[in-house]
Amino acid sequence: MASSNNSHENHDGSDPFEEFFKKLSENGGFPGGNFDPSAMGIDPDMMKNMGSMPIDPAMMQGIFAQVSAMMSSSSTDEPVNWDLARQTARQVVSADGDASVTSNEKSAVADATQLADLWLDPVTAFERPSSQTEAWSKSEYVENTFGVFQEIAGPIAESMSEAMNNSMDSQLPEEIKSLLGGQTNILSGIGGMMFGAQAGQSIGKLAAEVVSSTDVGLPMAEGRSALVPAGIKNFGEGLEIPAQEVMLYLAVREAALVRLYKANPWLRQDIIDLVKRYARGIHVDIERMQDAAQEIDPMNPDAMQEAFAAEIFTPQNTEDQQLALARLETLLALVEGWVTVITEQATKNLPMAAQLAETMNRRHANGGPAEHIFAALVGLELHPRKNREAANFWRSYGEERGKDARDELWSAPETLPTGDELDDLDAYTKRVEMVTASDDEFDAALEKLLSGGYDEDQASEQSETDNASENKNSDKPDDSDSDKD
């Protein structure tokens, strides 16, 4: 009677160890091909070949222990491997070319920022910051903004890591679980590395296209401001506009955003809180990711990146998530709309300002940095249409009330328009008048309501109406007298 040389077969005759490593080794080690095993001292060829190797349980225990030790030494307790994310972002930037900022570029940034502040002073009530605008290379952008990316993507990473760990734990063969023993950091490490690689790719690509530290719509280096000469050069390519004008226009936008956020500290935190709120409704569908891994071409990294960027995030479309998304879209649109109007007014003497503004609008319509990063890291789809509506709102309100009243609306979230109110200025005005009523006015109205004063007013108005009607009737000639005549 023939005996099996493998005592760990599944009911269908397959080897659980072989199946596990086959899945693990697909696309260069991990789904999406984003994780480079060599970064942690693992031979990629060995990973690819493991699915076809005869498996010795004792050998596997040694491999798991080694991998566990590697992950422990190269990661933290956080749900994402941020070291890998930073490393990947720097690699993406370097591969695209990243020259150091020259002294001439630094001088150009300083001159443009100085003139931008002079142009902004008459058109906004917000004061200029005391800090100087810096000039960054693409790699400096990665390093100086990395902490904020962690803050934005952290909630998503936590949700993704937890879902992935739970899914993998439920799908692993019992034989693999027994070999893992207490080395559960292998599972969490896999999820952390996958998201780290994904985040690093997104941040690296973003660094190649941004023109400033606030180009995504919020300050990415709190307390600091910067222009990115390499990104500004790319922005101006093909426009046939002098480079000085391009930099000056973008310096005005940067300076305006810095003023807005400095004068209203609540704004940045509100945006991040909305991202966190939206993130709670996202889960990771492991089966969809595995299906995607089987269908895409492993020799096409860009195709793999796009497939998994689409597959990783699965919104639940809960009511609370929809509310958070609507508010976030509106808030980011209000920021962009305000900056558009302020820049429009500040650059009225810049010859090619209109063409540069149109270029910026097309950039948003085609998916600019803000659209890209929120889609890649958070799974949010932003719609440029809101930007136009918001710009129209700020333009109309400023023309009617003046710049001080316009900018005062940023003092609190309650005084900003909702998405529906962007198209209905009258409805917004009525609501804000109620919200901004003084304490004395509110107390007087409340006391009048409780004392029945409004009922008395209604009775008095009705009495006056009745009296007016009687007086009108008394002025009419008597029909009976007319008949007698």
Protein backbone atom coordinates (compact mmCIF):
# COMPACT_ATOMS: atom_id res chain seq x y z
CA MET A 1 0.00 0.00 0.00
CA ALA A 2 1.49 3.30 -1.00
CA SER A 3 1.79 5.94 1.62
CA SER A 4 1.81 9.67 1.17
CA ASN A 5 5.08 11.42 1.68
CA ASN A 6 3.22 14.45 3.04
CA SER A 7 1.04 14.05 6.11
CA HIS A 8 -0.32 17.58 5.90
CA GLU A 9 -2.61 17.29 2.89
CA ASN A 10 -6.00 19.06 2.72
CA HIS A 11 -9.17 17.09 1.98
CA ASP A 12 -8.83 17.95 -1.69
CA GLY A 13 -5.33 16.46 -1.77
CA SER A 14 -3.51 19.79 -1.96
CA ASP A 15 -0.67 20.68 0.37
CA PRO A 16 -1.60 23.61 2.67
CA PHE A 17 2.02 24.71 2.94
CA GLU A 18 2.39 24.74 -0.82
CA GLU A 19 -0.89 26.63 -1.28
CA PHE A 20 0.06 29.18 1.37
CA PHE A 21 3.43 29.99 -0.15
CA LYS A 22 1.98 29.93 -3.64
CA LYS A 23 -0.44 32.71 -2.66
CA LEU A 24 2.24 34.52 -0.71
CA SER A 25 4.68 34.47 -3.62
CA GLU A 26 2.27 35.66 -6.31
CA ASN A 27 3.45 38.81 -8.10
CA GLY A 28 6.85 39.01 -6.53
CA GLY A 29 5.93 38.13 -2.97
CA PHE A 30 2.73 40.03 -2.13
CA PRO A 31 -0.47 41.06 -3.87
CA GLY A 32 0.04 44.08 -6.10
CA GLY A 33 3.75 43.51 -6.45
CA ASN A 34 4.30 46.52 -4.16
CA PHE A 35 6.41 44.79 -1.53
CA ASP A 36 10.05 44.13 -2.32
CA PRO A 37 11.16 41.14 -0.19
CA SER A 38 14.81 42.07 -0.71
CA ALA A 39 14.23 45.18 1.40
CA MET A 40 14.02 42.85 4.39
CA GLY A 41 16.77 40.45 3.40
CA ILE A 42 14.49 37.91 1.68
CA ASP A 43 15.47 36.55 -1.74
CA PRO A 44 12.58 37.32 -4.17
CA ASP A 45 13.47 34.30 -6.32
CA MET A 46 13.21 32.08 -3.27
CA MET A 47 9.75 33.48 -2.55
CA LYS A 48 8.62 32.84 -6.11
CA ASN A 49 9.89 29.27 -6.07
CA MET A 50 8.50 28.35 -2.67
CA GLY A 51 5.14 27.35 -4.12
CA SER A 52 6.74 24.44 -5.95
CA MET A 53 9.20 23.31 -3.25
CA PRO A 54 8.62 20.17 -1.18
CA ILE A 55 7.70 21.42 2.29
CA ASP A 56 9.35 20.23 5.49
CA PRO A 57 7.40 21.41 8.57
CA ALA A 58 10.56 21.69 10.65
CA MET A 59 12.14 23.84 7.96
CA MET A 60 9.02 25.98 7.82
CA GLN A 61 9.16 26.69 11.54
CA GLY A 62 12.69 27.96 11.07
CA ILE A 63 11.66 30.15 8.13
CA PHE A 64 8.72 31.60 10.03
CA ALA A 65 10.97 32.38 12.99
CA GLN A 66 13.48 34.10 10.69
CA VAL A 67 10.81 36.15 8.89
CA SER A 68 9.25 37.06 12.23
CA ALA A 69 12.60 38.29 13.53
CA MET A 70 13.13 40.35 10.38
CA MET A 71 9.73 42.00 10.71
CA SER A 72 10.23 42.67 14.40
CA SER A 73 13.54 44.40 13.76
CA SER A 74 12.29 46.53 10.88
CA SER A 75 8.81 47.61 11.97
CA THR A 76 6.94 49.11 14.87
CA ASP A 77 3.64 48.39 16.58
CA GLU A 78 1.86 50.68 14.11
CA PRO A 79 -0.50 49.10 11.56
CA VAL A 80 1.62 50.30 8.63
CA ASN A 81 5.34 50.00 7.93
CA TRP A 82 6.12 53.69 7.62
CA ASP A 83 9.83 53.03 7.24
CA LEU A 84 9.04 51.10 4.06
CA ALA A 85 6.65 53.86 2.94
CA ARG A 86 9.33 56.53 3.35
CA GLN A 87 11.93 54.36 1.61
CA THR A 88 9.58 53.61 -1.28
CA ALA A 89 8.65 57.28 -1.70
CA ARG A 90 12.30 58.28 -1.84
CA GLN A 91 13.00 55.55 -4.41
CA VAL A 92 10.13 56.74 -6.62
CA VAL A 93 11.41 60.32 -6.44
CA SER A 94 15.00 59.32 -7.19
CA ALA A 95 13.98 57.18 -10.15
CA ASP A 96 12.23 60.20 -11.67
CA GLY A 97 15.25 62.47 -11.13
CA ASP A 98 15.59 64.85 -8.21
CA ALA A 99 18.14 67.63 -8.48
CA SER A 100 18.99 69.76 -5.45
CA VAL A 101 17.51 73.26 -5.29
CA THR A 102 19.99 75.81 -6.62
CA SER A 103 20.84 79.17 -5.04
CA ASN A 104 19.17 80.93 -7.98
CA GLU A 105 15.97 78.98 -7.40
CA LYS A 106 16.02 79.85 -3.71
CA SER A 107 16.39 83.54 -4.58
CA ALA A 108 13.56 83.31 -7.10
CA VAL A 109 11.27 81.74 -4.49
CA ALA A 110 12.12 84.45 -1.95
CA ASP A 111 11.47 87.27 -4.46
CA ALA A 112 8.18 85.75 -5.67
CA THR A 113 6.92 85.24 -2.12
CA GLN A 114 7.75 88.81 -1.12
CA LEU A 115 5.82 90.24 -4.07
CA ALA A 116 2.97 87.79 -3.50
CA ASP A 117 2.49 89.04 0.05
CA LEU A 118 2.42 92.64 -1.15
CA TRP A 119 -0.31 91.76 -3.65
CA LEU A 120 -2.32 89.81 -1.07
CA ASP A 121 -2.39 92.49 1.65
CA PRO A 122 -5.14 94.60 -0.03
CA VAL A 123 -7.41 91.68 -1.00
CA THR A 124 -7.68 89.62 2.19
CA ALA A 125 -8.21 90.37 5.88
CA PHE A 126 -5.83 87.59 6.91
CA GLU A 127 -2.35 88.70 7.91
CA ARG A 128 0.85 87.38 6.41
CA PRO A 129 2.74 84.81 8.50
CA SER A 130 6.08 85.60 10.09
CA SER A 131 7.79 82.50 8.67
CA GLN A 132 9.68 82.55 5.37
CA THR A 133 8.72 80.45 2.37
CA GLU A 134 11.33 77.80 1.63
CA ALA A 135 12.41 76.12 -1.61
CA TRP A 136 12.27 72.30 -1.57
CA SER A 137 13.43 69.53 -3.81
CA LYS A 138 11.07 66.60 -4.35
CA SER A 139 12.84 64.46 -1.76
CA GLU A 140 12.69 67.36 0.73
CA TYR A 141 8.95 67.52 0.10
CA VAL A 142 8.69 63.82 1.02
CA GLU A 143 10.69 64.25 4.22
CA ASN A 144 9.04 67.49 5.37
CA THR A 145 5.46 66.39 4.75
CA PHE A 146 5.72 62.74 5.75
CA GLY A 147 4.34 63.25 9.25
CA VAL A 148 1.12 64.75 7.95
CA PHE A 149 0.69 61.92 5.46
CA GLN A 150 0.94 59.53 8.40
CA GLU A 151 -1.76 61.49 10.20
CA ILE A 152 -4.08 61.42 7.18
CA ALA A 153 -3.51 57.81 6.16
CA GLY A 154 -3.24 56.41 9.69
CA PRO A 155 -6.97 55.70 10.15
CA ILE A 156 -7.12 53.91 6.79
CA ALA A 157 -3.99 51.93 7.58
CA GLU A 158 -5.41 50.79 10.88
CA SER A 159 -8.69 49.73 9.29
CA MET A 160 -6.93 47.95 6.46
CA SER A 161 -4.42 46.18 8.69
CA GLU A 162 -7.10 44.92 11.05
CA ALA A 163 -9.31 43.66 8.23
CA MET A 164 -6.41 42.01 6.44
CA ASN A 165 -5.15 40.28 9.56
CA ASN A 166 -8.62 38.97 10.36
CA SER A 167 -9.14 37.73 6.81
CA MET A 168 -5.77 36.05 6.51
CA ASP A 169 -6.14 34.46 9.92
CA SER A 170 -9.49 32.97 8.93
CA GLN A 171 -8.18 31.71 5.58
CA LEU A 172 -4.89 30.17 6.69
CA PRO A 173 -4.74 26.34 6.93
CA GLU A 174 -4.62 25.04 10.47
CA GLU A 175 -1.20 23.53 9.79
CA ILE A 176 0.20 26.98 9.02
CA LYS A 177 -1.38 28.47 12.14
CA SER A 178 0.20 25.79 14.29
CA LEU A 179 3.61 26.52 12.83
CA LEU A 180 3.16 30.25 13.37
CA GLY A 181 2.49 29.71 17.05
CA GLY A 182 2.91 33.03 18.83
CA GLN A 183 4.59 34.69 15.86
CA THR A 184 1.45 36.52 14.79
CA ASN A 185 3.48 39.59 13.84
CA ILE A 186 4.06 37.86 10.49
CA LEU A 187 0.41 38.46 9.54
CA SER A 188 0.32 42.03 10.82
CA GLY A 189 3.67 42.65 9.14
CA ILE A 190 2.31 41.57 5.77
CA GLY A 191 -0.57 44.05 5.97
CA GLY A 192 1.71 46.79 7.27
CA MET A 193 4.20 46.29 4.48
CA MET A 194 1.54 46.21 1.77
CA PHE A 195 0.02 49.49 2.89
CA GLY A 196 3.46 50.99 3.46
CA ALA A 197 4.46 50.20 -0.11
CA GLN A 198 1.15 51.55 -1.45
CA ALA A 199 1.46 54.76 0.57
CA GLY A 200 5.08 55.21 -0.45
CA GLN A 201 4.21 54.87 -4.13
CA SER A 202 1.45 57.46 -3.78
CA ILE A 203 3.57 59.95 -1.84
CA GLY A 204 6.49 59.56 -4.24
CA LYS A 205 4.31 60.18 -7.28
CA LEU A 206 2.69 63.15 -5.55
CA ALA A 207 6.09 64.69 -4.80
CA ALA A 208 6.82 64.63 -8.53
CA GLU A 209 3.83 66.84 -9.39
CA VAL A 210 3.20 69.23 -6.47
CA VAL A 211 4.21 72.88 -6.78
CA SER A 212 4.02 73.83 -3.11
CA SER A 213 3.54 72.58 0.44
CA THR A 214 -0.21 73.32 0.35
CA ASP A 215 -0.88 72.00 -3.15
CA VAL A 216 -3.17 69.24 -1.88
CA GLY A 217 -5.46 71.81 -0.25
CA LEU A 218 -4.14 71.78 3.32
CA PRO A 219 -0.78 72.50 4.98
CA MET A 220 1.40 69.42 4.63
CA ALA A 221 4.18 70.87 6.78
CA GLU A 222 2.52 72.56 9.73
CA GLY A 223 4.15 75.88 10.56
CA ARG A 224 6.17 75.91 7.35
CA SER A 225 5.62 77.02 3.77
CA ALA A 226 7.49 76.04 0.62
CA LEU A 227 7.51 76.11 -3.16
CA VAL A 228 8.86 73.18 -5.19
CA PRO A 229 10.79 74.60 -8.19
CA ALA A 230 10.85 71.25 -10.02
CA GLY A 231 7.06 70.98 -9.80
CA ILE A 232 6.63 74.60 -10.84
CA LYS A 233 8.78 73.97 -13.90
CA ASN A 234 6.59 70.99 -14.85
CA PHE A 235 3.44 73.05 -14.31
CA GLY A 236 4.65 75.72 -16.76
CA GLU A 237 5.80 73.37 -19.52
CA GLY A 238 4.08 74.06 -22.83
CA LEU A 239 2.35 77.26 -21.62
CA GLU A 240 4.77 79.70 -23.30
CA ILE A 241 4.60 81.90 -20.22
CA PRO A 242 7.74 83.36 -18.59
CA ALA A 243 8.93 81.18 -15.72
CA GLN A 244 8.93 84.17 -13.36
CA GLU A 245 5.20 84.72 -13.96
CA VAL A 246 4.40 81.06 -13.38
CA MET A 247 6.30 81.04 -10.09
CA LEU A 248 4.74 84.34 -8.98
CA TYR A 249 1.22 83.10 -9.67
CA LEU A 250 1.79 79.89 -7.72
CA ALA A 251 3.53 81.83 -4.92
CA VAL A 252 0.34 83.91 -4.51
CA ARG A 253 -1.75 80.75 -4.17
CA GLU A 254 0.65 79.28 -1.62
CA ALA A 255 0.80 82.48 0.43
CA ALA A 256 -3.01 82.81 0.39
CA LEU A 257 -3.49 79.25 1.66
CA VAL A 258 -0.89 79.73 4.38
CA ARG A 259 -2.71 82.86 5.58
CA LEU A 260 -6.07 81.07 5.56
CA TYR A 261 -4.92 78.15 7.68
CA LYS A 262 -2.82 80.26 10.04
CA ALA A 263 -5.78 82.54 10.80
CA ASN A 264 -8.19 79.62 11.29
CA PRO A 265 -6.45 76.77 13.19
CA TRP A 266 -9.67 74.73 13.42
CA LEU A 267 -9.78 74.23 9.63
CA ARG A 268 -6.88 71.83 9.24
CA GLN A 269 -7.98 69.66 12.16
CA ASP A 270 -11.56 69.57 10.89
CA ILE A 271 -10.42 68.21 7.53
CA ILE A 272 -8.32 65.50 9.17
CA ASP A 273 -11.16 64.58 11.54
CA LEU A 274 -13.51 64.16 8.57
CA VAL A 275 -11.00 61.85 6.89
CA LYS A 276 -10.86 59.75 10.07
CA ARG A 277 -14.63 59.66 10.26
CA TYR A 278 -14.88 58.49 6.66
CA ALA A 279 -12.17 55.88 7.22
CA ARG A 280 -14.22 54.03 9.83
CA GLY A 281 -16.53 52.76 7.08
CA ILE A 282 -13.81 51.21 4.91
CA HIS A 283 -12.90 47.55 4.93
CA VAL A 284 -10.53 45.38 2.91
CA ASP A 285 -11.93 42.66 0.69
CA ILE A 286 -9.17 40.04 0.60
CA GLU A 287 -10.99 37.86 -1.96
CA ARG A 288 -11.20 40.75 -4.42
CA MET A 289 -7.50 41.44 -3.96
CA GLN A 290 -6.67 37.77 -4.61
CA ASP A 291 -8.86 37.77 -7.73
CA ALA A 292 -7.08 40.88 -8.96
CA ALA A 293 -3.70 39.24 -8.32
CA GLN A 294 -4.64 36.34 -10.60
CA GLU A 295 -5.92 38.50 -13.45
CA ILE A 296 -3.27 41.20 -13.84
CA ASP A 297 0.03 40.98 -15.69
CA PRO A 298 2.88 40.61 -13.19
CA MET A 299 5.27 42.08 -15.76
CA ASN A 300 3.34 45.38 -15.81
CA PRO A 301 3.94 47.21 -12.49
CA ASP A 302 1.73 50.18 -13.45
CA ALA A 303 -1.21 47.90 -14.20
CA MET A 304 -0.73 46.12 -10.88
CA GLN A 305 -0.61 49.44 -9.03
CA GLU A 306 -3.83 50.66 -10.65
CA ALA A 307 -5.65 47.36 -10.07
CA PHE A 308 -4.87 47.20 -6.39
CA ALA A 309 -5.45 50.89 -5.81
CA ALA A 310 -8.99 50.24 -7.02
CA GLU A 311 -9.43 46.94 -5.20
CA ILE A 312 -8.07 47.79 -1.76
CA PHE A 313 -10.72 50.27 -0.70
CA THR A 314 -14.35 49.23 -0.40
CA PRO A 315 -16.58 51.95 1.08
CA GLN A 316 -19.58 50.73 3.01
CA ASN A 317 -21.70 53.73 1.98
CA THR A 318 -23.11 54.14 5.46
CA GLU A 319 -25.15 57.22 6.19
CA ASP A 320 -22.46 58.64 8.47
CA GLN A 321 -19.80 58.00 5.84
CA GLN A 322 -21.82 59.79 3.18
CA LEU A 323 -22.27 62.77 5.48
CA ALA A 324 -18.54 62.88 6.21
CA LEU A 325 -17.70 62.66 2.52
CA ALA A 326 -20.14 65.42 1.59
CA ARG A 327 -18.77 67.71 4.28
CA LEU A 328 -15.16 66.97 3.35
CA GLU A 329 -15.81 67.62 -0.34
CA THR A 330 -17.53 70.89 0.47
CA LEU A 331 -14.83 72.03 2.87
CA LEU A 332 -12.00 71.30 0.42
CA ALA A 333 -14.01 73.01 -2.34
CA LEU A 334 -14.52 76.07 -0.15
CA VAL A 335 -10.78 76.25 0.44
CA GLU A 336 -9.99 75.94 -3.26
CA GLY A 337 -12.77 78.36 -4.22
CA TRP A 338 -11.55 80.99 -1.75
CA VAL A 339 -7.95 80.67 -2.96
CA THR A 340 -9.12 80.96 -6.56
CA VAL A 341 -10.95 84.23 -5.88
CA ILE A 342 -8.17 85.70 -3.74
CA THR A 343 -5.53 84.81 -6.33
CA GLU A 344 -7.73 86.22 -9.07
CA GLN A 345 -7.91 89.57 -7.27
CA ALA A 346 -4.25 89.65 -6.22
CA THR A 347 -2.89 88.85 -9.70
CA LYS A 348 -5.05 91.23 -11.72
CA ASN A 349 -1.89 93.01 -12.91
CA LEU A 350 -0.15 89.79 -13.91
CA PRO A 351 -0.38 89.62 -17.73
CA MET A 352 -0.96 85.86 -18.04
CA ALA A 353 -2.96 85.34 -14.84
CA ALA A 354 -6.12 84.29 -16.68
CA GLN A 355 -4.28 81.62 -18.66
CA LEU A 356 -2.58 80.32 -15.52
CA ALA A 357 -5.94 80.20 -13.72
CA GLU A 358 -7.42 78.18 -16.58
CA THR A 359 -4.46 75.80 -16.43
CA MET A 360 -5.06 75.31 -12.72
CA ASN A 361 -8.75 74.61 -13.36
CA ARG A 362 -7.91 71.98 -15.98
CA ARG A 363 -5.43 70.45 -13.57
CA HIS A 364 -8.17 69.97 -10.99
CA ALA A 365 -10.61 68.69 -13.61
CA ASN A 366 -8.12 66.07 -14.78
CA GLY A 367 -7.24 65.06 -11.24
CA GLY A 368 -4.69 67.22 -9.46
CA PRO A 369 -2.58 66.45 -6.38
CA ALA A 370 -5.52 66.76 -3.97
CA GLU A 371 -7.68 64.41 -6.03
CA HIS A 372 -4.83 61.91 -6.44
CA ILE A 373 -3.66 61.72 -2.85
CA PHE A 374 -7.13 61.49 -1.29
CA ALA A 375 -8.08 58.78 -3.77
CA ALA A 376 -4.86 56.81 -3.28
CA LEU A 377 -4.54 57.02 0.50
CA VAL A 378 -8.13 57.39 1.65
CA GLY A 379 -10.28 56.17 -1.25
CA LEU A 380 -12.11 59.49 -1.60
CA GLU A 381 -13.30 60.75 -4.98
CA LEU A 382 -13.43 64.57 -5.07
CA HIS A 383 -15.46 66.44 -7.68
CA PRO A 384 -14.08 69.69 -9.23
CA ARG A 385 -17.60 70.98 -9.91
CA LYS A 386 -17.82 72.02 -6.27
CA ASN A 387 -14.73 74.17 -6.71
CA ARG A 388 -16.50 76.37 -9.29
CA GLU A 389 -19.60 76.70 -7.14
CA ALA A 390 -17.49 77.65 -4.13
CA ALA A 391 -15.54 80.24 -6.13
CA ASN A 392 -18.81 81.81 -7.29
CA PHE A 393 -20.02 81.93 -3.69
CA TRP A 394 -16.90 83.69 -2.38
CA ARG A 395 -16.90 86.10 -5.32
CA SER A 396 -20.55 87.07 -4.83
CA TYR A 397 -20.35 87.34 -1.06
CA GLY A 398 -17.23 89.50 -1.24
CA GLU A 399 -18.76 91.84 -3.78
CA GLU A 400 -21.86 92.32 -1.60
CA ARG A 401 -20.31 92.45 1.89
CA GLY A 402 -16.61 93.26 1.43
CA LYS A 403 -13.42 91.31 2.14
CA ASP A 404 -13.62 91.57 5.96
CA ALA A 405 -17.12 90.08 6.13
CA ARG A 406 -16.18 87.45 3.56
CA ASP A 407 -13.07 86.27 5.43
CA GLU A 408 -14.87 86.40 8.77
CA LEU A 409 -16.98 83.47 7.60
CA TRP A 410 -13.94 81.23 8.21
CA SER A 411 -14.05 81.92 11.95
CA ALA A 412 -16.13 78.79 12.66
CA PRO A 413 -17.52 75.79 10.73
CA GLU A 414 -21.10 76.87 11.43
CA THR A 415 -20.70 80.09 9.46
CA LEU A 416 -19.57 78.36 6.27
CA PRO A 417 -22.09 77.29 3.63
CA THR A 418 -23.12 73.69 3.16
CA GLY A 419 -22.97 72.01 -0.22
CA ASP A 420 -26.62 72.84 -0.93
CA GLU A 421 -26.20 76.45 0.17
CA LEU A 422 -23.44 77.11 -2.37
CA ASP A 423 -26.22 77.45 -4.96
CA ASP A 424 -28.65 79.33 -2.68
CA LEU A 425 -27.10 82.46 -1.16
CA ASP A 426 -30.44 83.60 0.31
CA ALA A 427 -30.92 80.35 2.24
CA TYR A 428 -27.36 80.56 3.52
CA THR A 429 -27.80 84.18 4.63
CA LYS A 430 -30.96 83.42 6.61
CA ARG A 431 -29.33 80.48 8.40
CA VAL A 432 -26.17 82.39 9.25
CA GLU A 433 -28.15 85.32 10.62
CA MET A 434 -29.72 82.93 13.12
CA VAL A 435 -26.39 81.31 13.97
CA THR A 436 -24.56 84.62 14.42
CA ALA A 437 -27.28 86.39 16.42
CA SER A 438 -25.86 88.03 19.55
CA ASP A 439 -26.52 86.56 22.98
CA ASP A 440 -28.69 89.54 23.89
CA GLU A 441 -30.77 89.14 20.75
CA PHE A 442 -31.15 85.42 21.36
CA ASP A 443 -32.07 85.88 25.03
CA ALA A 444 -34.61 88.56 24.17
CA ALA A 445 -36.21 86.38 21.53
CA LEU A 446 -36.32 83.39 23.88
CA GLU A 447 -37.84 85.43 26.73
CA LYS A 448 -40.42 86.85 24.38
CA LEU A 449 -41.33 83.36 23.18
CA LEU A 450 -41.69 81.96 26.71
CA SER A 451 -43.76 84.91 27.92
CA GLY A 452 -46.20 84.66 25.05
CA GLY A 453 -45.00 87.86 23.47
CA TYR A 454 -45.15 86.43 19.98
CA ASP A 455 -48.80 85.42 20.58
CA GLU A 456 -49.57 88.99 21.65
CA ASP A 457 -47.87 90.31 18.53
CA GLN A 458 -49.95 87.99 16.38
CA ALA A 459 -53.15 89.04 18.20
CA SER A 460 -52.22 92.72 17.76
CA GLU A 461 -51.52 92.21 14.08
CA GLN A 462 -54.85 90.42 13.65
CA SER A 463 -56.67 93.23 15.50
CA GLU A 464 -55.05 95.84 13.28
CA THR A 465 -56.07 93.84 10.22
CA ASP A 466 -59.68 93.58 11.43
CA ASN A 467 -59.84 97.32 12.23
CA ALA A 468 -58.46 98.20 8.82
CA SER A 469 -61.09 96.00 7.22
CA GLU A 470 -63.91 97.64 9.24
CA ASN A 471 -62.69 101.12 8.36
CA LYS A 472 -62.56 100.19 4.71
CA ASN A 473 -66.13 98.87 4.85
CA SER A 474 -67.37 101.96 6.65
CA ASP A 475 -66.09 104.16 3.86
CA LYS A 476 -68.30 102.38 1.33
CA PRO A 477 -71.67 104.08 0.44
CA ASP A 478 -74.81 102.45 1.89
CA ASP A 479 -76.58 100.55 -0.90
CA SER A 480 -79.98 101.04 0.76
CA ASP A 481 -79.53 104.82 0.76
CA SER A 482 -78.71 104.72 -2.92
CA ASP A 483 -81.89 102.84 -3.62
CA LYS A 484 -83.93 105.41 -1.77
CA ASP A 485 -82.47 108.15 -3.89
